[in-house]
C-alpha atoms as a PDB file:
ATOM      1  CA  MET A   1      84.598 181.996  69.993  1.00  0.00           C
ATOM      2  CA  GLN A   2      85.936 182.413  66.502  1.00  0.00           C
ATOM      3  CA  LEU A   3      89.375 181.974  67.473  1.00  0.00           C
ATOM      4  CA  ARG A   4      88.323 178.288  69.114  1.00  0.00           C
ATOM      5  CA  ARG A   5      86.333 177.584  65.870  1.00  0.00           C
ATOM      6  CA  THR A   6      89.528 178.225  63.884  1.00  0.00           C
ATOM      7  CA  ALA A   7      91.393 176.310  65.984  1.00  0.00           C
ATOM      8  CA  ARG A   8      89.111 173.333  65.652  1.00  0.00           C
ATOM      9  CA  ALA A   9      89.040 173.463  62.057  1.00  0.00           C
ATOM     10  CA  ILE A  10      92.698 173.358  61.828  1.00  0.00           C
ATOM     11  CA  VAL A  11      92.655 170.218  64.078  1.00  0.00           C
ATOM     12  CA  GLU A  12      89.991 168.728  62.100  1.00  0.00           C
ATOM     13  CA  ALA A  13      91.821 168.907  58.778  1.00  0.00           C
ATOM     14  CA  ALA A  14      95.068 168.122  60.367  1.00  0.00           C
ATOM     15  CA  LEU A  15      93.400 164.724  61.284  1.00  0.00           C
ATOM     16  CA  ILE A  16      91.083 164.128  58.238  1.00  0.00           C
ATOM     17  CA  LEU A  17      93.596 164.801  55.409  1.00  0.00           C
ATOM     18  CA  PRO A  18      96.456 162.297  56.527  1.00  0.00           C
ATOM     19  CA  GLY A  19      93.834 159.613  56.744  1.00  0.00           C
ATOM     20  CA  ALA A  20      92.214 160.308  53.561  1.00  0.00           C
ATOM     21  CA  LEU A  21      95.613 159.946  51.769  1.00  0.00           C
ATOM     22  CA  VAL A  22      95.946 156.519  53.515  1.00  0.00           C
ATOM     23  CA  MET A  23      92.319 155.562  52.911  1.00  0.00           C
ATOM     24  CA  VAL A  24      92.471 155.650  49.040  1.00  0.00           C
ATOM     25  CA  THR A  25      95.188 152.979  48.891  1.00  0.00           C
ATOM     26  CA  LEU A  26      93.510 150.259  51.047  1.00  0.00           C
ATOM     27  CA  PRO A  27      92.350 147.109  49.742  1.00  0.00           C
ATOM     28  CA  ARG A  28      88.532 146.748  49.466  1.00  0.00           C
ATOM     29  CA  PRO A  29      88.244 144.088  52.358  1.00  0.00           C
ATOM     30  CA  VAL A  30      89.923 146.373  54.648  1.00  0.00           C
ATOM     31  CA  ILE A  31      87.507 149.270  53.895  1.00  0.00           C
ATOM     32  CA  LEU A  32      84.426 146.960  54.405  1.00  0.00           C
ATOM     33  CA  TYR A  33      86.047 145.762  57.776  1.00  0.00           C
ATOM     34  CA  LEU A  34      86.750 149.275  58.875  1.00  0.00           C
ATOM     35  CA  SER A  35      83.127 150.449  58.111  1.00  0.00           C
ATOM     36  CA  ARG A  36      81.555 147.392  60.159  1.00  0.00           C
ATOM     37  CA  VAL A  37      83.643 148.219  62.996  1.00  0.00           C
ATOM     38  CA  ALA A  38      83.176 152.202  63.049  1.00  0.00           C
ATOM     39  CA  GLY A  39      79.350 151.496  62.474  1.00  0.00           C
ATOM     40  CA  ALA A  40      79.297 148.927  65.321  1.00  0.00           C
ATOM     41  CA  LEU A  41      81.256 151.491  67.863  1.00  0.00           C
ATOM     42  CA  VAL A  42      78.950 154.273  66.915  1.00  0.00           C
ATOM     43  CA  TYR A  43      75.932 152.031  67.633  1.00  0.00           C
ATOM     44  CA  ARG A  44      77.581 151.257  71.115  1.00  0.00           C
ATOM     45  CA  PHE A  45      78.753 154.538  72.161  1.00  0.00           C
ATOM     46  CA  ALA A  46      77.019 157.276  70.294  1.00  0.00           C
ATOM     47  CA  HIS A  47      73.911 157.242  72.604  1.00  0.00           C
ATOM     48  CA  GLY A  48      72.187 160.248  71.151  1.00  0.00           C
ATOM     49  CA  LEU A  49      72.273 159.124  67.568  1.00  0.00           C
ATOM     50  CA  ARG A  50      71.163 155.830  68.932  1.00  0.00           C
ATOM     51  CA  ARG A  51      68.254 157.196  70.734  1.00  0.00           C
ATOM     52  CA  VAL A  52      67.067 159.038  67.763  1.00  0.00           C
ATOM     53  CA  GLY A  53      67.281 156.147  65.409  1.00  0.00           C
ATOM     54  CA  GLU A  54      65.424 153.765  68.031  1.00  0.00           C
ATOM     55  CA  ALA A  55      62.541 156.717  68.081  1.00  0.00           C
ATOM     56  CA  ASN A  56      62.414 156.738  64.402  1.00  0.00           C
ATOM     57  CA  LEU A  57      62.266 152.999  63.787  1.00  0.00           C
ATOM     58  CA  ASN A  58      59.766 152.446  66.734  1.00  0.00           C
ATOM     59  CA  LEU A  59      57.478 155.329  65.032  1.00  0.00           C
ATOM     60  CA  VAL A  60      57.762 153.460  61.584  1.00  0.00           C
ATOM     61  CA  PHE A  61      57.537 149.966  62.467  1.00  0.00           C
ATOM     62  CA  GLY A  62      56.240 149.891  66.029  1.00  0.00           C
ATOM     63  CA  ASP A  63      55.519 146.321  67.194  1.00  0.00           C
ATOM     64  CA  THR A  64      55.252 144.882  63.847  1.00  0.00           C
ATOM     65  CA  VAL A  65      58.634 143.698  64.037  1.00  0.00           C
ATOM     66  CA  SER A  66      60.635 142.650  67.094  1.00  0.00           C
ATOM     67  CA  ARG A  67      62.989 145.077  69.150  1.00  0.00           C
ATOM     68  CA  ALA A  68      65.956 142.730  67.891  1.00  0.00           C
ATOM     69  CA  GLN A  69      65.261 143.410  64.151  1.00  0.00           C
ATOM     70  CA  ARG A  70      64.917 147.305  64.739  1.00  0.00           C
ATOM     71  CA  GLU A  71      68.289 146.987  66.497  1.00  0.00           C
ATOM     72  CA  ALA A  72      69.801 145.090  64.025  1.00  0.00           C
ATOM     73  CA  TRP A  73      68.434 147.690  61.281  1.00  0.00           C
ATOM     74  CA  LEU A  74      69.867 150.349  63.370  1.00  0.00           C
ATOM     75  CA  ARG A  75      73.441 148.804  63.590  1.00  0.00           C
ATOM     76  CA  GLU A  76      73.323 148.191  59.902  1.00  0.00           C
ATOM     77  CA  SER A  77      72.349 151.884  59.301  1.00  0.00           C
ATOM     78  CA  PHE A  78      75.249 152.948  61.226  1.00  0.00           C
ATOM     79  CA  GLN A  79      77.497 150.551  59.264  1.00  0.00           C
ATOM     80  CA  THR A  80      76.160 151.780  55.938  1.00  0.00           C
ATOM     81  CA  PHE A  81      76.780 155.323  56.830  1.00  0.00           C
ATOM     82  CA  ALA A  82      80.385 154.264  57.819  1.00  0.00           C
ATOM     83  CA  ARG A  83      80.895 152.637  54.465  1.00  0.00           C
ATOM     84  CA  THR A  84      79.489 155.538  52.522  1.00  0.00           C
ATOM     85  CA  MET A  85      81.882 157.872  53.972  1.00  0.00           C
ATOM     86  CA  LEU A  86      84.920 155.729  53.854  1.00  0.00           C
ATOM     87  CA  ASP A  87      83.953 154.982  49.906  1.00  0.00           C
ATOM     88  CA  LEU A  88      83.779 158.933  49.277  1.00  0.00           C
ATOM     89  CA  VAL A  89      87.444 158.926  49.929  1.00  0.00           C
ATOM     90  CA  TRP A  90      88.378 155.270  48.491  1.00  0.00           C
ATOM     91  CA  PHE A  91      86.469 155.840  45.205  1.00  0.00           C
ATOM     92  CA  ARG A  92      88.586 159.116  44.707  1.00  0.00           C
ATOM     93  CA  LEU A  93      91.457 156.891  43.393  1.00  0.00           C
ATOM     94  CA  ARG A  94      90.939 155.201  39.940  1.00  0.00           C
ATOM     95  CA  THR A  95      87.663 156.314  40.035  1.00  0.00           C
ATOM     96  CA  ARG A  96      86.391 154.978  36.911  1.00  0.00           C
ATOM     97  CA  SER A  97      87.980 151.704  37.300  1.00  0.00           C
ATOM     98  CA  ARG A  98      86.878 151.312  40.751  1.00  0.00           C
ATOM     99  CA  LEU A  99      83.243 152.434  39.680  1.00  0.00           C
ATOM    100  CA  ARG A 100      83.261 149.851  36.834  1.00  0.00           C
ATOM    101  CA  ARG A 101      84.592 147.140  39.123  1.00  0.00           C
ATOM    102  CA  TRP A 102      82.450 147.710  42.344  1.00  0.00           C
ATOM    103  CA  VAL A 103      79.168 149.211  40.983  1.00  0.00           C
ATOM    104  CA  GLU A 104      76.592 147.069  39.409  1.00  0.00           C
ATOM    105  CA  THR A 105      73.825 148.655  37.271  1.00  0.00           C
ATOM    106  CA  ASP A 106      70.816 147.710  35.368  1.00  0.00           C
ATOM    107  CA  ASP A 107      68.814 148.790  32.144  1.00  0.00           C
ATOM    108  CA  SER A 108      66.535 151.115  34.555  1.00  0.00           C
ATOM    109  CA  LEU A 109      69.546 153.641  34.491  1.00  0.00           C
ATOM    110  CA  ASP A 110      69.127 153.993  30.671  1.00  0.00           C
ATOM    111  CA  VAL A 111      66.655 156.890  31.555  1.00  0.00           C
ATOM    112  CA  LEU A 112      69.713 159.110  32.845  1.00  0.00           C
ATOM    113  CA  ASP A 113      71.111 159.118  29.028  1.00  0.00           C
ATOM    114  CA  ARG A 114      67.923 160.377  27.415  1.00  0.00           C
ATOM    115  CA  GLY A 115      68.716 164.074  28.281  1.00  0.00           C
ATOM    116  CA  PRO A 116      68.806 166.205  31.459  1.00  0.00           C
ATOM    117  CA  VAL A 117      66.970 164.782  34.256  1.00  0.00           C
ATOM    118  CA  ILE A 118      66.548 165.706  37.991  1.00  0.00           C
ATOM    119  CA  ILE A 119      68.193 162.775  40.174  1.00  0.00           C
ATOM    120  CA  VAL A 120      66.591 162.384  43.780  1.00  0.00           C
ATOM    121  CA  THR A 121      67.719 160.123  46.215  1.00  0.00           C
ATOM    122  CA  ALA A 122      67.481 159.669  49.902  1.00  0.00           C
ATOM    123  CA  HIS A 123      70.192 159.221  52.517  1.00  0.00           C
ATOM    124  CA  PHE A 124      70.092 155.380  51.662  1.00  0.00           C
ATOM    125  CA  GLY A 125      73.060 153.103  50.968  1.00  0.00           C
ATOM    126  CA  ASN A 126      75.790 155.225  49.088  1.00  0.00           C
ATOM    127  CA  TRP A 127      73.849 158.258  47.825  1.00  0.00           C
ATOM    128  CA  GLU A 128      77.203 159.875  47.259  1.00  0.00           C
ATOM    129  CA  LEU A 129      78.185 157.866  44.323  1.00  0.00           C
ATOM    130  CA  ILE A 130      75.081 158.524  42.287  1.00  0.00           C
ATOM    131  CA  SER A 131      76.400 161.585  40.781  1.00  0.00           C
ATOM    132  CA  LEU A 132      79.823 160.166  40.039  1.00  0.00           C
ATOM    133  CA  LEU A 133      78.124 157.284  38.040  1.00  0.00           C
ATOM    134  CA  SER A 134      76.060 159.984  36.224  1.00  0.00           C
ATOM    135  CA  GLY A 135      79.491 161.667  35.200  1.00  0.00           C
ATOM    136  CA  LEU A 136      80.924 158.238  34.157  1.00  0.00           C
ATOM    137  CA  ARG A 137      77.715 157.617  31.760  1.00  0.00           C
ATOM    138  CA  GLY A 138      78.932 160.871  30.085  1.00  0.00           C
ATOM    139  CA  HIS A 139      76.285 163.045  31.953  1.00  0.00           C
ATOM    140  CA  ARG A 140      77.788 165.656  34.486  1.00  0.00           C
ATOM    141  CA  CYS A 141      75.686 165.985  37.598  1.00  0.00           C
ATOM    142  CA  LEU A 142      75.695 169.058  39.745  1.00  0.00           C
ATOM    143  CA  SER A 143      74.558 168.147  43.205  1.00  0.00           C
ATOM    144  CA  VAL A 144      73.342 170.374  46.224  1.00  0.00           C
ATOM    145  CA  ALA A 145      75.521 169.645  48.886  1.00  0.00           C
ATOM    146  CA  ALA A 146      75.648 170.731  52.751  1.00  0.00           C
ATOM    147  CA  SER A 147      78.714 172.659  53.890  1.00  0.00           C
ATOM    148  CA  THR A 148      80.359 172.207  57.301  1.00  0.00           C
ATOM    149  CA  PHE A 149      81.728 174.969  59.531  1.00  0.00           C
ATOM    150  CA  ASN A 150      85.196 173.958  58.125  1.00  0.00           C
ATOM    151  CA  PRO A 151      86.226 175.427  54.850  1.00  0.00           C
ATOM    152  CA  VAL A 152      89.009 173.150  54.548  1.00  0.00           C
ATOM    153  CA  ILE A 153      86.741 170.129  54.944  1.00  0.00           C
ATOM    154  CA  ASN A 154      84.301 171.651  52.292  1.00  0.00           C
ATOM    155  CA  TYR A 155      86.875 171.912  49.823  1.00  0.00           C
ATOM    156  CA  VAL A 156      88.262 168.431  50.516  1.00  0.00           C
ATOM    157  CA  LEU A 157      84.600 167.149  50.401  1.00  0.00           C
ATOM    158  CA  ARG A 158      84.026 168.821  47.036  1.00  0.00           C
ATOM    159  CA  LYS A 159      87.085 167.476  45.524  1.00  0.00           C
ATOM    160  CA  LEU A 160      86.085 164.007  46.537  1.00  0.00           C
ATOM    161  CA  ARG A 161      82.510 164.393  44.952  1.00  0.00           C
ATOM    162  CA  MET A 162      84.174 165.770  41.635  1.00  0.00           C
ATOM    163  CA  GLY A 163      85.463 162.091  40.596  1.00  0.00           C
ATOM    164  CA  SER A 164      84.051 161.769  37.364  1.00  0.00           C
ATOM    165  CA  GLY A 165      83.285 165.237  36.074  1.00  0.00           C
ATOM    166  CA  SER A 166      80.331 166.050  38.629  1.00  0.00           C
ATOM    167  CA  ASP A 167      80.673 168.763  40.632  1.00  0.00           C
ATOM    168  CA  THR A 168      78.496 170.211  43.811  1.00  0.00           C
ATOM    169  CA  VAL A 169      77.038 173.624  44.771  1.00  0.00           C
ATOM    170  CA  PRO A 170      76.408 174.857  48.213  1.00  0.00           C
ATOM    171  CA  ARG A 171      72.659 174.974  49.173  1.00  0.00           C
ATOM    172  CA  ARG A 172      72.466 178.741  49.464  1.00  0.00           C
ATOM    173  CA  GLY A 173      72.266 180.336  45.846  1.00  0.00           C
ATOM    174  CA  ALA A 174      72.119 177.010  44.398  1.00  0.00           C
ATOM    175  CA  LEU A 175      68.951 177.789  42.005  1.00  0.00           C
ATOM    176  CA  ARG A 176      70.820 179.431  39.166  1.00  0.00           C
ATOM    177  CA  ALA A 177      73.522 177.217  39.003  1.00  0.00           C
ATOM    178  CA  LEU A 178      71.178 173.992  38.902  1.00  0.00           C
ATOM    179  CA  ILE A 179      69.247 175.733  36.082  1.00  0.00           C
ATOM    180  CA  ARG A 180      72.479 176.826  34.232  1.00  0.00           C
ATOM    181  CA  ARG A 181      73.654 173.054  34.391  1.00  0.00           C
ATOM    182  CA  VAL A 182      70.360 171.850  32.942  1.00  0.00           C
ATOM    183  CA  ARG A 183      70.937 174.231  29.933  1.00  0.00           C
ATOM    184  CA  GLU A 184      74.336 172.757  29.565  1.00  0.00           C
ATOM    185  CA  GLY A 185      72.744 169.439  29.089  1.00  0.00           C
ATOM    186  CA  GLY A 186      73.824 168.061  32.568  1.00  0.00           C
ATOM    187  CA  ASN A 187      72.070 166.308  35.258  1.00  0.00           C
ATOM    188  CA  ILE A 188      71.201 167.704  38.699  1.00  0.00           C
ATOM    189  CA  GLY A 189      71.088 165.749  41.751  1.00  0.00           C
ATOM    190  CA  MET A 190      69.152 166.201  45.140  1.00  0.00           C
ATOM    191  CA  VAL A 191      68.822 164.517  48.360  1.00  0.00           C
ATOM    192  CA  ALA A 192      65.210 164.812  49.038  1.00  0.00           C
ATOM    193  CA  ASP A 193      64.709 163.432  52.455  1.00  0.00           C
ATOM    194  CA  GLN A 194      65.654 166.464  54.762  1.00  0.00           C
ATOM    195  CA  ASN A 195      63.904 169.003  56.795  1.00  0.00           C
ATOM    196  CA  VAL A 196      63.201 172.329  54.834  1.00  0.00           C
ATOM    197  CA  LEU A 197      61.623 174.889  56.635  1.00  0.00           C
ATOM    198  CA  PRO A 198      58.262 176.469  55.279  1.00  0.00           C
ATOM    199  CA  ARG A 199      60.141 179.886  54.789  1.00  0.00           C
ATOM    200  CA  ASP A 200      62.451 178.136  52.716  1.00  0.00           C
ATOM    201  CA  GLY A 201      59.900 176.339  50.639  1.00  0.00           C
ATOM    202  CA  GLY A 202      59.140 173.245  52.614  1.00  0.00           C
ATOM    203  CA  ILE A 203      55.683 171.981  53.291  1.00  0.00           C
ATOM    204  CA  PHE A 204      54.284 169.310  55.633  1.00  0.00           C
ATOM    205  CA  GLN A 205      53.575 165.655  53.938  1.00  0.00           C
ATOM    206  CA  PRO A 206      53.008 162.426  55.373  1.00  0.00           C
ATOM    207  CA  ILE A 207      56.241 160.470  55.775  1.00  0.00           C
ATOM    208  CA  PHE A 208      55.517 156.867  56.900  1.00  0.00           C
ATOM    209  CA  GLY A 209      52.065 158.246  57.838  1.00  0.00           C
ATOM    210  CA  VAL A 210      53.632 160.869  60.157  1.00  0.00           C
ATOM    211  CA  PRO A 211      53.810 164.644  58.738  1.00  0.00           C
ATOM    212  CA  ALA A 212      57.082 166.109  58.184  1.00  0.00           C
ATOM    213  CA  LEU A 213      58.614 168.692  56.337  1.00  0.00           C
ATOM    214  CA  VAL A 214      59.831 167.978  52.539  1.00  0.00           C
ATOM    215  CA  THR A 215      61.230 170.023  49.974  1.00  0.00           C
ATOM    216  CA  LYS A 216      59.192 171.017  46.897  1.00  0.00           C
ATOM    217  CA  ALA A 217      62.660 171.935  44.963  1.00  0.00           C
ATOM    218  CA  PRO A 218      62.497 168.760  42.569  1.00  0.00           C
ATOM    219  CA  ALA A 219      59.101 169.324  41.663  1.00  0.00           C
ATOM    220  CA  THR A 220      59.391 172.946  41.366  1.00  0.00           C
ATOM    221  CA  LEU A 221      62.607 172.738  38.891  1.00  0.00           C
ATOM    222  CA  SER A 222      60.803 169.807  36.923  1.00  0.00           C
ATOM    223  CA  THR A 223      58.008 172.100  36.279  1.00  0.00           C
ATOM    224  CA  ARG A 224      60.069 175.208  35.389  1.00  0.00           C
ATOM    225  CA  CYS A 225      62.443 173.416  33.138  1.00  0.00           C
ATOM    226  CA  ASN A 226      60.142 170.506  32.015  1.00  0.00           C
ATOM    227  CA  LEU A 227      62.181 167.747  33.387  1.00  0.00           C
ATOM    228  CA  ALA A 228      61.565 164.304  34.587  1.00  0.00           C
ATOM    229  CA  VAL A 229      62.368 163.559  38.372  1.00  0.00           C
ATOM    230  CA  VAL A 230      64.149 160.026  38.425  1.00  0.00           C
ATOM    231  CA  PRO A 231      64.661 158.483  42.034  1.00  0.00           C
ATOM    232  CA  VAL A 232      67.870 156.579  42.149  1.00  0.00           C
ATOM    233  CA  PHE A 233      69.143 154.343  44.603  1.00  0.00           C
ATOM    234  CA  CYS A 234      72.792 152.843  45.485  1.00  0.00           C
ATOM    235  CA  ARG A 235      72.181 149.750  47.412  1.00  0.00           C
ATOM    236  CA  PRO A 236      75.018 148.085  49.314  1.00  0.00           C
ATOM    237  CA  LEU A 237      75.801 144.504  48.477  1.00  0.00           C
ATOM    238  CA  PRO A 238      77.271 141.920  51.047  1.00  0.00           C
ATOM    239  CA  ASP A 239      80.301 141.266  48.719  1.00  0.00           C
ATOM    240  CA  GLY A 240      81.407 145.111  48.827  1.00  0.00           C
ATOM    241  CA  ARG A 241      79.826 145.799  45.672  1.00  0.00           C
ATOM    242  CA  TYR A 242      76.918 148.089  44.933  1.00  0.00           C
ATOM    243  CA  CYS A 243      73.999 147.836  42.865  1.00  0.00           C
ATOM    244  CA  MET A 244      72.637 151.128  41.537  1.00  0.00           C
ATOM    245  CA  TYR A 245      69.033 151.336  39.963  1.00  0.00           C
ATOM    246  CA  ALA A 246      66.331 153.664  39.204  1.00  0.00           C
ATOM    247  CA  SER A 247      62.582 153.836  40.038  1.00  0.00           C
ATOM    248  CA  ASP A 248      59.985 154.919  37.370  1.00  0.00           C
ATOM    249  CA  PRO A 249      60.359 158.643  36.671  1.00  0.00           C
ATOM    250  CA  VAL A 250      57.692 161.381  37.886  1.00  0.00           C
ATOM    251  CA  LEU A 251      57.048 163.434  34.960  1.00  0.00           C
ATOM    252  CA  PRO A 252      56.334 167.098  35.286  1.00  0.00           C
ATOM    253  CA  GLY A 253      52.902 168.223  36.004  1.00  0.00           C
ATOM    254  CA  SER A 254      50.908 171.493  37.350  1.00  0.00           C
ATOM    255  CA  ASP A 255      50.240 169.906  40.782  1.00  0.00           C
ATOM    256  CA  GLN A 256      53.649 170.278  42.482  1.00  0.00           C
ATOM    257  CA  ASP A 257      52.338 169.066  45.739  1.00  0.00           C
ATOM    258  CA  ALA A 258      51.314 165.980  44.246  1.00  0.00           C
ATOM    259  CA  MET A 259      54.427 165.602  42.497  1.00  0.00           C
ATOM    260  CA  THR A 260      56.431 165.799  45.826  1.00  0.00           C
ATOM    261  CA  ARG A 261      53.921 163.380  47.420  1.00  0.00           C
ATOM    262  CA  LYS A 262      54.645 160.696  44.589  1.00  0.00           C
ATOM    263  CA  ILE A 263      58.560 161.224  44.985  1.00  0.00           C
ATOM    264  CA  GLY A 264      58.181 160.800  48.751  1.00  0.00           C
ATOM    265  CA  LEU A 265      56.252 157.388  48.343  1.00  0.00           C
ATOM    266  CA  LEU A 266      59.162 156.155  45.879  1.00  0.00           C
ATOM    267  CA  LEU A 267      61.510 156.894  48.575  1.00  0.00           C
ATOM    268  CA  GLU A 268      59.543 155.389  51.052  1.00  0.00           C
ATOM    269  CA  ARG A 269      59.051 152.318  49.262  1.00  0.00           C
ATOM    270  CA  GLU A 270      62.731 151.775  49.031  1.00  0.00           C
ATOM    271  CA  ILE A 271      63.363 152.263  52.468  1.00  0.00           C
ATOM    272  CA  ARG A 272      60.700 149.851  53.773  1.00  0.00           C
ATOM    273  CA  HIS A 273      62.248 147.165  51.185  1.00  0.00           C
ATOM    274  CA  TYR A 274      65.857 147.753  53.047  1.00  0.00           C
ATOM    275  CA  PRO A 275      65.442 149.303  56.165  1.00  0.00           C
ATOM    276  CA  GLY A 276      69.288 148.949  57.317  1.00  0.00           C
ATOM    277  CA  PHE A 277      70.382 151.025  54.608  1.00  0.00           C
ATOM    278  CA  TRP A 278      68.413 154.375  55.404  1.00  0.00           C
ATOM    279  CA  LEU A 279      70.177 156.959  58.030  1.00  0.00           C
ATOM    280  CA  TRP A 280      67.655 156.417  60.737  1.00  0.00           C
ATOM    281  CA  SER A 281      69.645 158.541  63.127  1.00  0.00           C
ATOM    282  CA  TYR A 282      68.635 161.815  61.289  1.00  0.00           C
ATOM    283  CA  LYS A 283      65.792 163.706  62.897  1.00  0.00           C
ATOM    284  CA  ARG A 284      63.406 163.312  60.140  1.00  0.00           C
ATOM    285  CA  TRP A 285      60.470 164.376  62.217  1.00  0.00           C
ATOM    286  CA  HIS A 286      62.297 167.576  63.698  1.00  0.00           C
ATOM    287  CA  TYR A 287      59.234 169.854  63.577  1.00  0.00           C
ATOM    288  CA  ARG A 288      55.783 169.868  63.834  1.00  0.00           C
ATOM    289  CA  LEU A 289      52.874 172.686  63.574  1.00  0.00           C
ATOM    290  CA  PRO A 290      50.870 173.800  66.655  1.00  0.00           C
ATOM    291  CA  ASP A 291      47.577 171.748  65.701  1.00  0.00           C
ATOM    292  CA  HIS A 292      49.602 168.520  65.253  1.00  0.00           C
ATOM    293  CA  ASP A 293      49.122 166.086  68.059  1.00  0.00           C
ATOM    294  CA  ALA A 294      52.633 165.936  69.846  1.00  0.00           C
ATOM    295  CA  GLY A 295      51.954 162.433  71.058  1.00  0.00           C
ATOM    296  CA  CYS A 296      52.295 161.267  67.424  1.00  0.00           C
ATOM    297  CA  PHE A 297      55.839 162.590  66.972  1.00  0.00           C
ATOM    298  CA  PRO A 298      59.078 161.312  68.363  1.00  0.00           C
ATOM    299  CA  PHE A 299      60.661 162.790  71.568  1.00  0.00           C
ATOM    300  CA  TYR A 300      63.076 165.264  69.749  1.00  0.00           C
ATOM    301  CA  THR A 301      60.301 166.768  67.605  1.00  0.00           C
ATOM    302  CA  ARG A 302      59.921 170.677  68.219  1.00  0.00           C
ATOM    303  CA  GLU A 303      56.959 172.946  67.277  1.00  0.00           C
ATOM    304  CA  LEU A 304      57.619 175.312  64.651  1.00  0.00           C
ATOM    305  CA  GLN A 305      58.389 179.186  65.380  1.00  0.00           C
ATOM    306  CA  PRO A 306      56.696 181.963  63.797  1.00  0.00           C
ATOM    307  CA  ASN A 307      60.025 183.080  62.140  1.00  0.00           C
ATOM    308  CA  GLN A 308      60.342 179.510  60.608  1.00  0.00           C
ATOM    309  CA  MET A 309      56.936 179.731  58.858  1.00  0.00           C
ATOM    310  CA  ALA A 310      56.399 180.544  55.077  1.00  0.00           C
ATOM    311  CA  GLY A 311      56.830 184.122  54.291  1.00  0.00           C
ATOM    312  CA  ALA A 312      59.675 184.698  57.073  1.00  0.00           C
ATOM    313  CA  GLY A 313      62.414 184.306  54.544  1.00  0.00           C
ATOM    314  CA  ASN A 314      63.026 182.893  51.235  1.00  0.00           C
ATOM    315  CA  THR A 315      60.179 181.238  49.057  1.00  0.00           C
ATOM    316  CA  VAL A 316      61.445 178.221  47.245  1.00  0.00           C
ATOM    317  CA  HIS A 317      65.091 177.236  48.190  1.00  0.00           C
ATOM    318  CA  PRO A 318      66.662 174.023  46.387  1.00  0.00           C
ATOM    319  CA  GLY A 319      67.107 171.768  49.501  1.00  0.00           C
ATOM    320  CA  ARG A 320      68.023 174.313  52.047  1.00  0.00           C
ATOM    321  CA  ALA A 321      67.826 171.781  55.054  1.00  0.00           C
ATOM    322  CA  THR A 322      67.896 172.108  58.791  1.00  0.00           C
ATOM    323  CA  GLY A 323      68.170 169.853  61.792  1.00  0.00           C
END
């Protein structure tokens, strides 16, 4: 098994590294064309991902929109994700000049300049560019990032995300690194729309009206470090640019559950405005409690097991996601 995994890692690295070297040199229109084609192919042939996306869209919108509209949003979601992944590579070359040319900002982002803040976002638009832009504005951002099973790919992804002085830290053991970055005057970034088990500090809250596991880490760090939580979004534009902007900050408070709910509602609002930019193929409602009505959840939802409940592991973990 270990030998097979090692061989797979070598093959993946051999395929991805040369492609990345070519990708950074391509003209912007080619990147946009490739993202549209790649997203359309995934929509056509990745039946498992498409089934999850269709279930999620039906759960959230149901009969309030037509099936054709839901299909269009799902196709756009795959194309947006493809563009995000290609741009993670493309913006690595001439990062500062490309960010200035292709990312439009407004005054709402001035909040990032007023001292350390906790930046939260969702798998919406190009979330990868947010920490890069924070670094470009002079505030290095330390973001929590998932790891793959391939150490070479992990190394490459980290380098790609370090374009403007920002950096990433693995989820496991991230808390100390995040607090240290705040004390150094930098921002920290977290993707807040992931499943976090109760044993790792996750709690159930309504997401589009249906209970889902969410992380309390932004609220916990906000209270502990007396920092505002700022939802930031990077929305794709048709001409190949992005529009990056911030919602109203969530100020630290004593009720962390209420803070977490407020953050979730701000993320939901943006997703409802632009459904085609969210990652609908993610199993957002992966788990439910035994007393939840199974009929209210998508087909892929599983009942939480005793070893996944609170008290079975760590207490508060910064965004350690599962499934």
